[in-house]
Amino acid sequence: MSATEPPQSPQDLLRVRMESLRRRFRARAADDLGAMKAGWASGERDDLRERAHRLAGVAATFGYPAIGEAAKLLDDLINQGANAEDTDAAAERLFDLLGHIAASPP
């Protein structure tokens, strides 16, 4: 900060920090998408469920409630041992949502 710049308010600092965390979330979402698709294709449900569980917990914090809801549904379906048709549909929905934020500019 230069001598001519006013000090930042706590709200400004928080906004800047949250935007930084949101960018990191989006970058990680792109990584998660690739790993989740690979896990789904190979039948590896544990890593997929863990990633969905994590996304369900944090997505809304960064402004993506639909991703959080889709991730929670997939997590729940895998935990319940739901049929393949239901879990496939939930996975595709989550993958689609993640793909949109992964493809959008920062």
PDB file of N, CA and C in Angstrom:
ATOM      1  N   MET A   1       0.850  -1.166   0.000  1.00  0.00           N
ATOM      2  CA  MET A   1       0.000   0.000   0.000  1.00  0.00           C
ATOM      3  C   MET A   1       0.896   1.229   0.000  1.00  0.00           C
ATOM      4  N   SER A   2       0.582   2.174  -0.882  1.00  0.00           N
ATOM      5  CA  SER A   2       1.367   3.403  -0.928  1.00  0.00           C
ATOM      6  C   SER A   2       0.835   4.378   0.106  1.00  0.00           C
ATOM      7  N   ALA A   3       1.586   5.438   0.313  1.00  0.00           N
ATOM      8  CA  ALA A   3       1.193   6.439   1.299  1.00  0.00           C
ATOM      9  C   ALA A   3      -0.068   7.179   0.880  1.00  0.00           C
ATOM     10  N   THR A   4      -0.374   7.185  -0.413  1.00  0.00           N
ATOM     11  CA  THR A   4      -1.558   7.915  -0.886  1.00  0.00           C
ATOM     12  C   THR A   4      -2.829   7.055  -0.882  1.00  0.00           C
ATOM     13  N   GLU A   5      -2.684   5.746  -0.743  1.00  0.00           N
ATOM     14  CA  GLU A   5      -3.857   4.872  -0.730  1.00  0.00           C
ATOM     15  C   GLU A   5      -4.462   4.833   0.666  1.00  0.00           C
ATOM     16  N   PRO A   6      -5.793   4.951   0.730  1.00  0.00           N
ATOM     17  CA  PRO A   6      -6.423   4.840   2.043  1.00  0.00           C
ATOM     18  C   PRO A   6      -6.356   3.394   2.535  1.00  0.00           C
ATOM     19  N   PRO A   7      -6.337   3.209   3.833  1.00  0.00           N
ATOM     20  CA  PRO A   7      -6.322   1.831   4.340  1.00  0.00           C
ATOM     21  C   PRO A   7      -7.627   1.125   3.954  1.00  0.00           C
ATOM     22  N   GLN A   8      -7.526  -0.160   3.717  1.00  0.00           N
ATOM     23  CA  GLN A   8      -8.705  -0.921   3.345  1.00  0.00           C
ATOM     24  C   GLN A   8      -9.535  -1.225   4.587  1.00  0.00           C
ATOM     25  N   SER A   9     -10.829  -1.187   4.409  1.00  0.00           N
ATOM     26  CA  SER A   9     -11.721  -1.513   5.511  1.00  0.00           C
ATOM     27  C   SER A   9     -11.714  -3.027   5.721  1.00  0.00           C
ATOM     28  N   PRO A  10     -12.142  -3.479   6.878  1.00  0.00           N
ATOM     29  CA  PRO A  10     -12.242  -4.927   7.096  1.00  0.00           C
ATOM     30  C   PRO A  10     -13.161  -5.594   6.066  1.00  0.00           C
ATOM     31  N   GLN A  11     -14.218  -4.898   5.646  1.00  0.00           N
ATOM     32  CA  GLN A  11     -15.125  -5.451   4.645  1.00  0.00           C
ATOM     33  C   GLN A  11     -14.430  -5.611   3.295  1.00  0.00           C
ATOM     34  N   ASP A  12     -13.603  -4.617   2.940  1.00  0.00           N
ATOM     35  CA  ASP A  12     -12.853  -4.712   1.682  1.00  0.00           C
ATOM     36  C   ASP A  12     -11.874  -5.879   1.727  1.00  0.00           C
ATOM     37  N   LEU A  13     -11.188  -6.021   2.837  1.00  0.00           N
ATOM     38  CA  LEU A  13     -10.230  -7.119   2.986  1.00  0.00           C
ATOM     39  C   LEU A  13     -10.944  -8.468   2.917  1.00  0.00           C
ATOM     40  N   LEU A  14     -12.094  -8.564   3.547  1.00  0.00           N
ATOM     41  CA  LEU A  14     -12.864  -9.800   3.514  1.00  0.00           C
ATOM     42  C   LEU A  14     -13.341 -10.097   2.094  1.00  0.00           C
ATOM     43  N   ARG A  15     -13.823  -9.090   1.386  1.00  0.00           N
ATOM     44  CA  ARG A  15     -14.291  -9.280   0.014  1.00  0.00           C
ATOM     45  C   ARG A  15     -13.147  -9.769  -0.885  1.00  0.00           C
ATOM     46  N   VAL A  16     -11.984  -9.181  -0.736  1.00  0.00           N
ATOM     47  CA  VAL A  16     -10.828  -9.582  -1.537  1.00  0.00           C
ATOM     48  C   VAL A  16     -10.435 -11.029  -1.209  1.00  0.00           C
ATOM     49  N   ARG A  17     -10.432 -11.353   0.064  1.00  0.00           N
ATOM     50  CA  ARG A  17     -10.072 -12.716   0.486  1.00  0.00           C
ATOM     51  C   ARG A  17     -11.093 -13.738  -0.018  1.00  0.00           C
ATOM     52  N   MET A  18     -12.382 -13.409   0.082  1.00  0.00           N
ATOM     53  CA  MET A  18     -13.412 -14.334  -0.388  1.00  0.00           C
ATOM     54  C   MET A  18     -13.327 -14.536  -1.894  1.00  0.00           C
ATOM     55  N   GLU A  19     -13.013 -13.479  -2.624  1.00  0.00           N
ATOM     56  CA  GLU A  19     -12.871 -13.627  -4.077  1.00  0.00           C
ATOM     57  C   GLU A  19     -11.685 -14.524  -4.406  1.00  0.00           C
ATOM     58  N   SER A  20     -10.615 -14.397  -3.663  1.00  0.00           N
ATOM     59  CA  SER A  20      -9.460 -15.274  -3.861  1.00  0.00           C
ATOM     60  C   SER A  20      -9.837 -16.732  -3.581  1.00  0.00           C
ATOM     61  N   LEU A  21     -10.554 -16.956  -2.499  1.00  0.00           N
ATOM     62  CA  LEU A  21     -10.991 -18.315  -2.164  1.00  0.00           C
ATOM     63  C   LEU A  21     -11.977 -18.854  -3.196  1.00  0.00           C
ATOM     64  N   ARG A  22     -12.815 -17.994  -3.726  1.00  0.00           N
ATOM     65  CA  ARG A  22     -13.775 -18.408  -4.758  1.00  0.00           C
ATOM     66  C   ARG A  22     -13.033 -18.842  -6.028  1.00  0.00           C
ATOM     67  N   ARG A  23     -12.000 -18.093  -6.408  1.00  0.00           N
ATOM     68  CA  ARG A  23     -11.195 -18.479  -7.578  1.00  0.00           C
ATOM     69  C   ARG A  23     -10.540 -19.837  -7.354  1.00  0.00           C
ATOM     70  N   ARG A  24     -10.018 -20.059  -6.145  1.00  0.00           N
ATOM     71  CA  ARG A  24      -9.402 -21.356  -5.818  1.00  0.00           C
ATOM     72  C   ARG A  24     -10.441 -22.470  -5.865  1.00  0.00           C
ATOM     73  N   PHE A  25     -11.649 -22.185  -5.377  1.00  0.00           N
ATOM     74  CA  PHE A  25     -12.717 -23.182  -5.426  1.00  0.00           C
ATOM     75  C   PHE A  25     -13.007 -23.562  -6.869  1.00  0.00           C
ATOM     76  N   ARG A  26     -13.099 -22.569  -7.731  1.00  0.00           N
ATOM     77  CA  ARG A  26     -13.391 -22.833  -9.148  1.00  0.00           C
ATOM     78  C   ARG A  26     -12.281 -23.651  -9.797  1.00  0.00           C
ATOM     79  N   ALA A  27     -11.035 -23.342  -9.497  1.00  0.00           N
ATOM     80  CA  ALA A  27      -9.919 -24.103 -10.055  1.00  0.00           C
ATOM     81  C   ALA A  27      -9.954 -25.541  -9.547  1.00  0.00           C
ATOM     82  N   ARG A  28     -10.235 -25.701  -8.275  1.00  0.00           N
ATOM     83  CA  ARG A  28     -10.298 -27.054  -7.714  1.00  0.00           C
ATOM     84  C   ARG A  28     -11.500 -27.811  -8.274  1.00  0.00           C
ATOM     85  N   ALA A  29     -12.583 -27.115  -8.547  1.00  0.00           N
ATOM     86  CA  ALA A  29     -13.756 -27.760  -9.131  1.00  0.00           C
ATOM     87  C   ALA A  29     -13.407 -28.387 -10.477  1.00  0.00           C
ATOM     88  N   ALA A  30     -12.572 -27.704 -11.244  1.00  0.00           N
ATOM     89  CA  ALA A  30     -12.143 -28.257 -12.530  1.00  0.00           C
ATOM     90  C   ALA A  30     -11.328 -29.532 -12.312  1.00  0.00           C
ATOM     91  N   ASP A  31     -10.449 -29.520 -11.330  1.00  0.00           N
ATOM     92  CA  ASP A  31      -9.674 -30.727 -11.005  1.00  0.00           C
ATOM     93  C   ASP A  31     -10.591 -31.843 -10.514  1.00  0.00           C
ATOM     94  N   ASP A  32     -11.534 -31.480  -9.633  1.00  0.00           N
ATOM     95  CA  ASP A  32     -12.481 -32.466  -9.113  1.00  0.00           C
ATOM     96  C   ASP A  32     -13.294 -33.086 -10.235  1.00  0.00           C
ATOM     97  N   LEU A  33     -13.717 -32.277 -11.177  1.00  0.00           N
ATOM     98  CA  LEU A  33     -14.532 -32.775 -12.277  1.00  0.00           C
ATOM     99  C   LEU A  33     -13.807 -33.893 -13.020  1.00  0.00           C
ATOM    100  N   GLY A  34     -12.559 -33.662 -13.364  1.00  0.00           N
ATOM    101  CA  GLY A  34     -11.790 -34.695 -14.069  1.00  0.00           C
ATOM    102  C   GLY A  34     -11.626 -35.957 -13.245  1.00  0.00           C
ATOM    103  N   ALA A  35     -11.298 -35.794 -11.976  1.00  0.00           N
ATOM    104  CA  ALA A  35     -11.111 -36.953 -11.103  1.00  0.00           C
ATOM    105  C   ALA A  35     -12.424 -37.691 -10.868  1.00  0.00           C
ATOM    106  N   MET A  36     -13.502 -36.946 -10.718  1.00  0.00           N
ATOM    107  CA  MET A  36     -14.799 -37.577 -10.474  1.00  0.00           C
ATOM    108  C   MET A  36     -15.283 -38.341 -11.699  1.00  0.00           C
ATOM    109  N   LYS A  37     -15.097 -37.772 -12.874  1.00  0.00           N
ATOM    110  CA  LYS A  37     -15.499 -38.480 -14.099  1.00  0.00           C
ATOM    111  C   LYS A  37     -14.689 -39.759 -14.273  1.00  0.00           C
ATOM    112  N   ALA A  38     -13.394 -39.678 -13.991  1.00  0.00           N
ATOM    113  CA  ALA A  38     -12.547 -40.867 -14.116  1.00  0.00           C
ATOM    114  C   ALA A  38     -12.971 -41.924 -13.100  1.00  0.00           C
ATOM    115  N   GLY A  39     -13.251 -41.503 -11.874  1.00  0.00           N
ATOM    116  CA  GLY A  39     -13.694 -42.445 -10.852  1.00  0.00           C
ATOM    117  C   GLY A  39     -15.029 -43.081 -11.191  1.00  0.00           C
ATOM    118  N   TRP A  40     -15.926 -42.284 -11.731  1.00  0.00           N
ATOM    119  CA  TRP A  40     -17.237 -42.800 -12.110  1.00  0.00           C
ATOM    120  C   TRP A  40     -17.092 -43.831 -13.231  1.00  0.00           C
ATOM    121  N   ALA A  41     -16.276 -43.509 -14.215  1.00  0.00           N
ATOM    122  CA  ALA A  41     -16.084 -44.418 -15.344  1.00  0.00           C
ATOM    123  C   ALA A  41     -15.447 -45.736 -14.911  1.00  0.00           C
ATOM    124  N   SER A  42     -14.556 -45.681 -13.919  1.00  0.00           N
ATOM    125  CA  SER A  42     -13.869 -46.893 -13.477  1.00  0.00           C
ATOM    126  C   SER A  42     -14.612 -47.631 -12.370  1.00  0.00           C
ATOM    127  N   GLY A  43     -15.705 -47.050 -11.897  1.00  0.00           N
ATOM    128  CA  GLY A  43     -16.463 -47.689 -10.834  1.00  0.00           C
ATOM    129  C   GLY A  43     -15.942 -47.394  -9.441  1.00  0.00           C
ATOM    130  N   GLU A  44     -14.992 -46.466  -9.329  1.00  0.00           N
ATOM    131  CA  GLU A  44     -14.413 -46.093  -8.032  1.00  0.00           C
ATOM    132  C   GLU A  44     -15.342 -45.105  -7.348  1.00  0.00           C
ATOM    133  N   ARG A  45     -16.161 -45.585  -6.455  1.00  0.00           N
ATOM    134  CA  ARG A  45     -17.179 -44.747  -5.830  1.00  0.00           C
ATOM    135  C   ARG A  45     -16.700 -44.048  -4.557  1.00  0.00           C
ATOM    136  N   ASP A  46     -15.680 -44.583  -3.880  1.00  0.00           N
ATOM    137  CA  ASP A  46     -15.248 -43.980  -2.610  1.00  0.00           C
ATOM    138  C   ASP A  46     -14.701 -42.571  -2.800  1.00  0.00           C
ATOM    139  N   ASP A  47     -13.786 -42.402  -3.744  1.00  0.00           N
ATOM    140  CA  ASP A  47     -13.227 -41.068  -3.985  1.00  0.00           C
ATOM    141  C   ASP A  47     -14.305 -40.122  -4.505  1.00  0.00           C
ATOM    142  N   LEU A  48     -15.155 -40.631  -5.368  1.00  0.00           N
ATOM    143  CA  LEU A  48     -16.254 -39.826  -5.903  1.00  0.00           C
ATOM    144  C   LEU A  48     -17.159 -39.346  -4.770  1.00  0.00           C
ATOM    145  N   ARG A  49     -17.523 -40.238  -3.867  1.00  0.00           N
ATOM    146  CA  ARG A  49     -18.385 -39.874  -2.755  1.00  0.00           C
ATOM    147  C   ARG A  49     -17.704 -38.865  -1.847  1.00  0.00           C
ATOM    148  N   GLU A  50     -16.424 -39.052  -1.573  1.00  0.00           N
ATOM    149  CA  GLU A  50     -15.687 -38.109  -0.720  1.00  0.00           C
ATOM    150  C   GLU A  50     -15.621 -36.721  -1.345  1.00  0.00           C
ATOM    151  N   ARG A  51     -15.369 -36.653  -2.632  1.00  0.00           N
ATOM    152  CA  ARG A  51     -15.327 -35.355  -3.308  1.00  0.00           C
ATOM    153  C   ARG A  51     -16.712 -34.706  -3.331  1.00  0.00           C
ATOM    154  N   ALA A  52     -17.734 -35.505  -3.585  1.00  0.00           N
ATOM    155  CA  ALA A  52     -19.098 -34.975  -3.573  1.00  0.00           C
ATOM    156  C   ALA A  52     -19.457 -34.478  -2.176  1.00  0.00           C
ATOM    157  N   HIS A  53     -19.067 -35.212  -1.167  1.00  0.00           N
ATOM    158  CA  HIS A  53     -19.350 -34.814   0.217  1.00  0.00           C
ATOM    159  C   HIS A  53     -18.687 -33.470   0.532  1.00  0.00           C
ATOM    160  N   ARG A  54     -17.437 -33.322   0.131  1.00  0.00           N
ATOM    161  CA  ARG A  54     -16.716 -32.057   0.368  1.00  0.00           C
ATOM    162  C   ARG A  54     -17.383 -30.917  -0.382  1.00  0.00           C
ATOM    163  N   LEU A  55     -17.721 -31.154  -1.639  1.00  0.00           N
ATOM    164  CA  LEU A  55     -18.394 -30.115  -2.424  1.00  0.00           C
ATOM    165  C   LEU A  55     -19.740 -29.732  -1.810  1.00  0.00           C
ATOM    166  N   ALA A  56     -20.457 -30.712  -1.308  1.00  0.00           N
ATOM    167  CA  ALA A  56     -21.759 -30.437  -0.691  1.00  0.00           C
ATOM    168  C   ALA A  56     -21.601 -29.485   0.487  1.00  0.00           C
ATOM    169  N   GLY A  57     -20.491 -29.589   1.180  1.00  0.00           N
ATOM    170  CA  GLY A  57     -20.267 -28.756   2.350  1.00  0.00           C
ATOM    171  C   GLY A  57     -19.793 -27.353   2.059  1.00  0.00           C
ATOM    172  N   VAL A  58     -19.123 -27.137   0.936  1.00  0.00           N
ATOM    173  CA  VAL A  58     -18.509 -25.819   0.720  1.00  0.00           C
ATOM    174  C   VAL A  58     -19.043 -25.033  -0.480  1.00  0.00           C
ATOM    175  N   ALA A  59     -19.717 -25.670  -1.392  1.00  0.00           N
ATOM    176  CA  ALA A  59     -20.106 -24.998  -2.636  1.00  0.00           C
ATOM    177  C   ALA A  59     -20.957 -23.753  -2.397  1.00  0.00           C
ATOM    178  N   ALA A  60     -21.940 -23.836  -1.522  1.00  0.00           N
ATOM    179  CA  ALA A  60     -22.820 -22.683  -1.278  1.00  0.00           C
ATOM    180  C   ALA A  60     -22.046 -21.519  -0.677  1.00  0.00           C
ATOM    181  N   THR A  61     -21.034 -21.809   0.115  1.00  0.00           N
ATOM    182  CA  THR A  61     -20.216 -20.757   0.725  1.00  0.00           C
ATOM    183  C   THR A  61     -19.601 -19.857  -0.340  1.00  0.00           C
ATOM    184  N   PHE A  62     -19.271 -20.440  -1.478  1.00  0.00           N
ATOM    185  CA  PHE A  62     -18.624 -19.693  -2.548  1.00  0.00           C
ATOM    186  C   PHE A  62     -19.593 -19.270  -3.644  1.00  0.00           C
ATOM    187  N   GLY A  63     -20.887 -19.375  -3.369  1.00  0.00           N
ATOM    188  CA  GLY A  63     -21.887 -18.877  -4.304  1.00  0.00           C
ATOM    189  C   GLY A  63     -22.431 -19.887  -5.284  1.00  0.00           C
ATOM    190  N   TYR A  64     -22.280 -21.166  -5.000  1.00  0.00           N
ATOM    191  CA  TYR A  64     -22.740 -22.209  -5.898  1.00  0.00           C
ATOM    192  C   TYR A  64     -23.673 -23.193  -5.186  1.00  0.00           C
ATOM    193  N   PRO A  65     -24.841 -22.724  -4.744  1.00  0.00           N
ATOM    194  CA  PRO A  65     -25.734 -23.618  -4.006  1.00  0.00           C
ATOM    195  C   PRO A  65     -26.231 -24.804  -4.828  1.00  0.00           C
ATOM    196  N   ALA A  66     -26.412 -24.635  -6.122  1.00  0.00           N
ATOM    197  CA  ALA A  66     -26.888 -25.752  -6.953  1.00  0.00           C
ATOM    198  C   ALA A  66     -25.854 -26.874  -6.986  1.00  0.00           C
ATOM    199  N   ILE A  67     -24.581 -26.523  -6.996  1.00  0.00           N
ATOM    200  CA  ILE A  67     -23.528 -27.542  -6.952  1.00  0.00           C
ATOM    201  C   ILE A  67     -23.572 -28.255  -5.609  1.00  0.00           C
ATOM    202  N   GLY A  68     -23.749 -27.496  -4.538  1.00  0.00           N
ATOM    203  CA  GLY A  68     -23.839 -28.109  -3.217  1.00  0.00           C
ATOM    204  C   GLY A  68     -24.992 -29.088  -3.119  1.00  0.00           C
ATOM    205  N   GLU A  69     -26.142 -28.707  -3.648  1.00  0.00           N
ATOM    206  CA  GLU A  69     -27.319 -29.583  -3.612  1.00  0.00           C
ATOM    207  C   GLU A  69     -27.108 -30.836  -4.463  1.00  0.00           C
ATOM    208  N   ALA A  70     -26.538 -30.652  -5.653  1.00  0.00           N
ATOM    209  CA  ALA A  70     -26.289 -31.801  -6.529  1.00  0.00           C
ATOM    210  C   ALA A  70     -25.247 -32.738  -5.914  1.00  0.00           C
ATOM    211  N   ALA A  71     -24.241 -32.176  -5.293  1.00  0.00           N
ATOM    212  CA  ALA A  71     -23.207 -32.989  -4.646  1.00  0.00           C
ATOM    213  C   ALA A  71     -23.780 -33.754  -3.454  1.00  0.00           C
ATOM    214  N   LYS A  72     -24.634 -33.100  -2.681  1.00  0.00           N
ATOM    215  CA  LYS A  72     -25.257 -33.773  -1.535  1.00  0.00           C
ATOM    216  C   LYS A  72     -26.130 -34.928  -1.998  1.00  0.00           C
ATOM    217  N   LEU A  73     -26.893 -34.709  -3.049  1.00  0.00           N
ATOM    218  CA  LEU A  73     -27.733 -35.778  -3.573  1.00  0.00           C
ATOM    219  C   LEU A  73     -26.884 -36.973  -3.992  1.00  0.00           C
ATOM    220  N   LEU A  74     -25.806 -36.726  -4.733  1.00  0.00           N
ATOM    221  CA  LEU A  74     -24.940 -37.822  -5.167  1.00  0.00           C
ATOM    222  C   LEU A  74     -24.319 -38.528  -3.972  1.00  0.00           C
ATOM    223  N   ASP A  75     -23.821 -37.776  -3.019  1.00  0.00           N
ATOM    224  CA  ASP A  75     -23.250 -38.353  -1.799  1.00  0.00           C
ATOM    225  C   ASP A  75     -24.278 -39.246  -1.110  1.00  0.00           C
ATOM    226  N   ASP A  76     -25.488 -38.737  -0.940  1.00  0.00           N
ATOM    227  CA  ASP A  76     -26.548 -39.508  -0.279  1.00  0.00           C
ATOM    228  C   ASP A  76     -26.887 -40.782  -1.055  1.00  0.00           C
ATOM    229  N   LEU A  77     -27.000 -40.665  -2.361  1.00  0.00           N
ATOM    230  CA  LEU A  77     -27.358 -41.829  -3.177  1.00  0.00           C
ATOM    231  C   LEU A  77     -26.283 -42.912  -3.098  1.00  0.00           C
ATOM    232  N   ILE A  78     -25.026 -42.509  -3.156  1.00  0.00           N
ATOM    233  CA  ILE A  78     -23.946 -43.492  -3.055  1.00  0.00           C
ATOM    234  C   ILE A  78     -23.969 -44.137  -1.670  1.00  0.00           C
ATOM    235  N   ASN A  79     -24.144 -43.336  -0.628  1.00  0.00           N
ATOM    236  CA  ASN A  79     -24.198 -43.882   0.734  1.00  0.00           C
ATOM    237  C   ASN A  79     -25.350 -44.864   0.914  1.00  0.00           C
ATOM    238  N   GLN A  80     -26.466 -44.609   0.248  1.00  0.00           N
ATOM    239  CA  GLN A  80     -27.655 -45.465   0.375  1.00  0.00           C
ATOM    240  C   GLN A  80     -27.604 -46.691  -0.526  1.00  0.00           C
ATOM    241  N   GLY A  81     -26.611 -46.752  -1.408  1.00  0.00           N
ATOM    242  CA  GLY A  81     -26.530 -47.869  -2.345  1.00  0.00           C
ATOM    243  C   GLY A  81     -27.659 -47.834  -3.368  1.00  0.00           C
ATOM    244  N   ALA A  82     -28.029 -46.624  -3.781  1.00  0.00           N
ATOM    245  CA  ALA A  82     -29.133 -46.445  -4.728  1.00  0.00           C
ATOM    246  C   ALA A  82     -28.817 -47.115  -6.064  1.00  0.00           C
ATOM    247  N   ASN A  83     -29.856 -47.285  -6.861  1.00  0.00           N
ATOM    248  CA  ASN A  83     -29.681 -47.959  -8.153  1.00  0.00           C
ATOM    249  C   ASN A  83     -28.837 -47.098  -9.107  1.00  0.00           C
ATOM    250  N   ALA A  84     -28.290 -47.770 -10.104  1.00  0.00           N
ATOM    251  CA  ALA A  84     -27.379 -47.120 -11.047  1.00  0.00           C
ATOM    252  C   ALA A  84     -28.050 -45.998 -11.818  1.00  0.00           C
ATOM    253  N   GLU A  85     -29.306 -46.156 -12.161  1.00  0.00           N
ATOM    254  CA  GLU A  85     -30.000 -45.120 -12.925  1.00  0.00           C
ATOM    255  C   GLU A  85     -30.058 -43.802 -12.137  1.00  0.00           C
ATOM    256  N   ASP A  86     -30.395 -43.887 -10.862  1.00  0.00           N
ATOM    257  CA  ASP A  86     -30.475 -42.684 -10.033  1.00  0.00           C
ATOM    258  C   ASP A  86     -29.104 -42.059  -9.801  1.00  0.00           C
ATOM    259  N   THR A  87     -28.112 -42.888  -9.496  1.00  0.00           N
ATOM    260  CA  THR A  87     -26.777 -42.340  -9.235  1.00  0.00           C
ATOM    261  C   THR A  87     -26.149 -41.793 -10.514  1.00  0.00           C
ATOM    262  N   ASP A  88     -26.391 -42.455 -11.639  1.00  0.00           N
ATOM    263  CA  ASP A  88     -25.870 -41.937 -12.914  1.00  0.00           C
ATOM    264  C   ASP A  88     -26.446 -40.555 -13.207  1.00  0.00           C
ATOM    265  N   ALA A  89     -27.749 -40.404 -13.017  1.00  0.00           N
ATOM    266  CA  ALA A  89     -28.392 -39.111 -13.278  1.00  0.00           C
ATOM    267  C   ALA A  89     -27.854 -38.037 -12.344  1.00  0.00           C
ATOM    268  N   ALA A  90     -27.666 -38.375 -11.083  1.00  0.00           N
ATOM    269  CA  ALA A  90     -27.137 -37.401 -10.114  1.00  0.00           C
ATOM    270  C   ALA A  90     -25.697 -37.032 -10.451  1.00  0.00           C
ATOM    271  N   ALA A  91     -24.902 -38.016 -10.840  1.00  0.00           N
ATOM    272  CA  ALA A  91     -23.513 -37.747 -11.211  1.00  0.00           C
ATOM    273  C   ALA A  91     -23.449 -36.854 -12.437  1.00  0.00           C
ATOM    274  N   GLU A  92     -24.244 -37.146 -13.438  1.00  0.00           N
ATOM    275  CA  GLU A  92     -24.250 -36.330 -14.652  1.00  0.00           C
ATOM    276  C   GLU A  92     -24.658 -34.890 -14.353  1.00  0.00           C
ATOM    277  N   ARG A  93     -25.628 -34.709 -13.479  1.00  0.00           N
ATOM    278  CA  ARG A  93     -26.063 -33.359 -13.099  1.00  0.00           C
ATOM    279  C   ARG A  93     -24.911 -32.610 -12.422  1.00  0.00           C
ATOM    280  N   LEU A  94     -24.238 -33.259 -11.490  1.00  0.00           N
ATOM    281  CA  LEU A  94     -23.113 -32.620 -10.814  1.00  0.00           C
ATOM    282  C   LEU A  94     -21.992 -32.327 -11.797  1.00  0.00           C
ATOM    283  N   PHE A  95     -21.681 -33.263 -12.671  1.00  0.00           N
ATOM    284  CA  PHE A  95     -20.621 -33.051 -13.655  1.00  0.00           C
ATOM    285  C   PHE A  95     -20.951 -31.869 -14.563  1.00  0.00           C
ATOM    286  N   ASP A  96     -22.205 -31.758 -14.949  1.00  0.00           N
ATOM    287  CA  ASP A  96     -22.625 -30.649 -15.803  1.00  0.00           C
ATOM    288  C   ASP A  96     -22.426 -29.311 -15.093  1.00  0.00           C
ATOM    289  N   LEU A  97     -22.853 -29.231 -13.842  1.00  0.00           N
ATOM    290  CA  LEU A  97     -22.699 -27.987 -13.081  1.00  0.00           C
ATOM    291  C   LEU A  97     -21.230 -27.626 -12.879  1.00  0.00           C
ATOM    292  N   LEU A  98     -20.420 -28.622 -12.544  1.00  0.00           N
ATOM    293  CA  LEU A  98     -18.980 -28.372 -12.376  1.00  0.00           C
ATOM    294  C   LEU A  98     -18.342 -27.944 -13.691  1.00  0.00           C
ATOM    295  N   GLY A  99     -18.781 -28.544 -14.772  1.00  0.00           N
ATOM    296  CA  GLY A  99     -18.246 -28.180 -16.082  1.00  0.00           C
ATOM    297  C   GLY A  99     -18.519 -26.733 -16.435  1.00  0.00           C
ATOM    298  N   HIS A 100     -19.671 -26.226 -16.047  1.00  0.00           N
ATOM    299  CA  HIS A 100     -19.998 -24.824 -16.328  1.00  0.00           C
ATOM    300  C   HIS A 100     -19.073 -23.865 -15.589  1.00  0.00           C
ATOM    301  N   ILE A 101     -18.811 -24.135 -14.325  1.00  0.00           N
ATOM    302  CA  ILE A 101     -17.933 -23.186 -13.612  1.00  0.00           C
ATOM    303  C   ILE A 101     -16.481 -23.387 -13.994  1.00  0.00           C
ATOM    304  N   ALA A 102     -16.113 -24.623 -14.340  1.00  0.00           N
ATOM    305  CA  ALA A 102     -14.735 -24.882 -14.758  1.00  0.00           C
ATOM    306  C   ALA A 102     -14.435 -24.199 -16.087  1.00  0.00           C
ATOM    307  N   ALA A 103     -15.448 -24.083 -16.959  1.00  0.00           N
ATOM    308  CA  ALA A 103     -15.249 -23.505 -18.289  1.00  0.00           C
ATOM    309  C   ALA A 103     -15.379 -21.991 -18.310  1.00  0.00           C
ATOM    310  N   SER A 104     -15.970 -21.429 -17.277  1.00  0.00           N
ATOM    311  CA  SER A 104     -16.173 -19.972 -17.282  1.00  0.00           C
ATOM    312  C   SER A 104     -14.904 -19.248 -16.850  1.00  0.00           C
ATOM    313  N   PRO A 105     -14.714 -18.043 -17.344  1.00  0.00           N
ATOM    314  CA  PRO A 105     -13.504 -17.300 -16.990  1.00  0.00           C
ATOM    315  C   PRO A 105     -13.498 -16.940 -15.502  1.00  0.00           C
ATOM    316  N   PRO A 106     -12.306 -16.794 -14.946  1.00  0.00           N
ATOM    317  CA  PRO A 106     -12.191 -16.469 -13.512  1.00  0.00           C
ATOM    318  C   PRO A 106     -12.794 -15.133 -13.141  1.00  0.00           C
TER     319      PRO A 106
END
